[in-house]
Protein backbone atom coordinates (compact mmCIF):
# COMPACT_ATOMS: atom_id res chain seq x y z
CA MET A 1 87.81 72.50 63.03
CA ALA A 2 86.05 69.36 64.51
CA ILE A 3 87.28 67.66 67.64
CA HIS A 4 87.93 63.84 67.32
CA ILE A 5 87.60 62.01 70.14
CA LYS A 6 90.03 59.17 70.28
CA THR A 7 89.30 55.39 70.79
CA PRO A 8 90.86 53.38 73.54
CA GLU A 9 92.76 51.76 70.64
CA GLU A 10 94.01 55.13 69.31
CA ILE A 11 95.11 56.25 72.77
CA ALA A 12 97.03 53.04 73.44
CA GLY A 13 98.63 53.47 70.19
CA LEU A 14 99.56 57.07 71.25
CA ARG A 15 101.02 55.94 74.52
CA ILE A 16 103.27 53.42 72.94
CA ALA A 17 104.50 55.94 70.39
CA GLY A 18 105.18 58.27 73.20
CA ARG A 19 106.98 55.81 75.31
CA LEU A 20 109.27 54.61 72.33
CA ALA A 21 110.06 58.34 71.59
CA SER A 22 111.22 58.78 75.15
CA GLU A 23 113.19 55.72 75.20
CA LEU A 24 114.94 56.76 72.06
CA LEU A 25 115.80 60.30 73.43
CA ASP A 26 117.04 58.56 76.70
CA TYR A 27 119.35 56.29 74.59
CA LEU A 28 120.72 59.25 72.42
CA THR A 29 121.35 61.85 75.24
CA PRO A 30 124.74 60.57 76.16
CA PHE A 31 125.83 60.93 72.51
CA VAL A 32 124.73 64.65 71.91
CA LYS A 33 127.40 67.11 72.62
CA PRO A 34 127.65 70.76 71.52
CA GLY A 35 128.53 71.21 67.80
CA ILE A 36 127.43 67.76 66.78
CA THR A 37 125.13 67.65 63.69
CA THR A 38 121.99 65.34 63.48
CA GLY A 39 123.80 63.60 60.30
CA GLU A 40 126.91 63.02 62.62
CA LEU A 41 124.55 61.71 65.25
CA ALA A 42 122.74 59.46 62.87
CA SER A 43 125.65 57.94 61.23
CA SER A 44 127.68 57.27 64.50
CA PRO A 45 128.35 53.61 64.70
CA THR A 46 127.58 53.79 68.64
CA THR A 47 123.99 55.00 67.74
CA THR A 48 123.41 53.08 64.55
CA ARG A 49 120.99 50.19 65.52
CA SER A 50 120.25 47.10 63.43
CA THR A 51 117.61 47.64 60.72
CA SER A 52 116.41 43.98 61.15
CA ARG A 53 112.78 43.93 62.70
CA SER A 54 111.99 41.39 65.05
CA ALA A 55 108.51 39.34 64.93
CA SER A 56 107.45 41.01 68.21
CA PRO A 57 107.54 44.57 69.54
CA PRO A 58 109.87 45.54 72.09
CA ALA A 59 108.61 44.67 75.72
CA SER A 60 107.94 48.35 76.53
CA ALA A 61 105.48 48.55 73.88
CA THR A 62 103.41 45.70 75.18
CA SER A 63 103.67 46.14 79.07
CA PRO A 64 101.94 49.15 80.63
CA LYS A 65 103.91 51.66 82.70
CA ALA A 66 102.21 52.29 86.06
């Protein structure tokens, strides 16, 4: 298998994806309890977010973390 060297743009995209995944897990942590299913978690009104998309990405996606 060949090794693909990532471009700076690809690396930046991976950082954004990782940061957003981290924020999502931090948000969901208080709702996860023993015995809860992923379906219950996904359908819970407290964890359901609006499906509307804003024109700009969240601030965390555009501001670098130190």
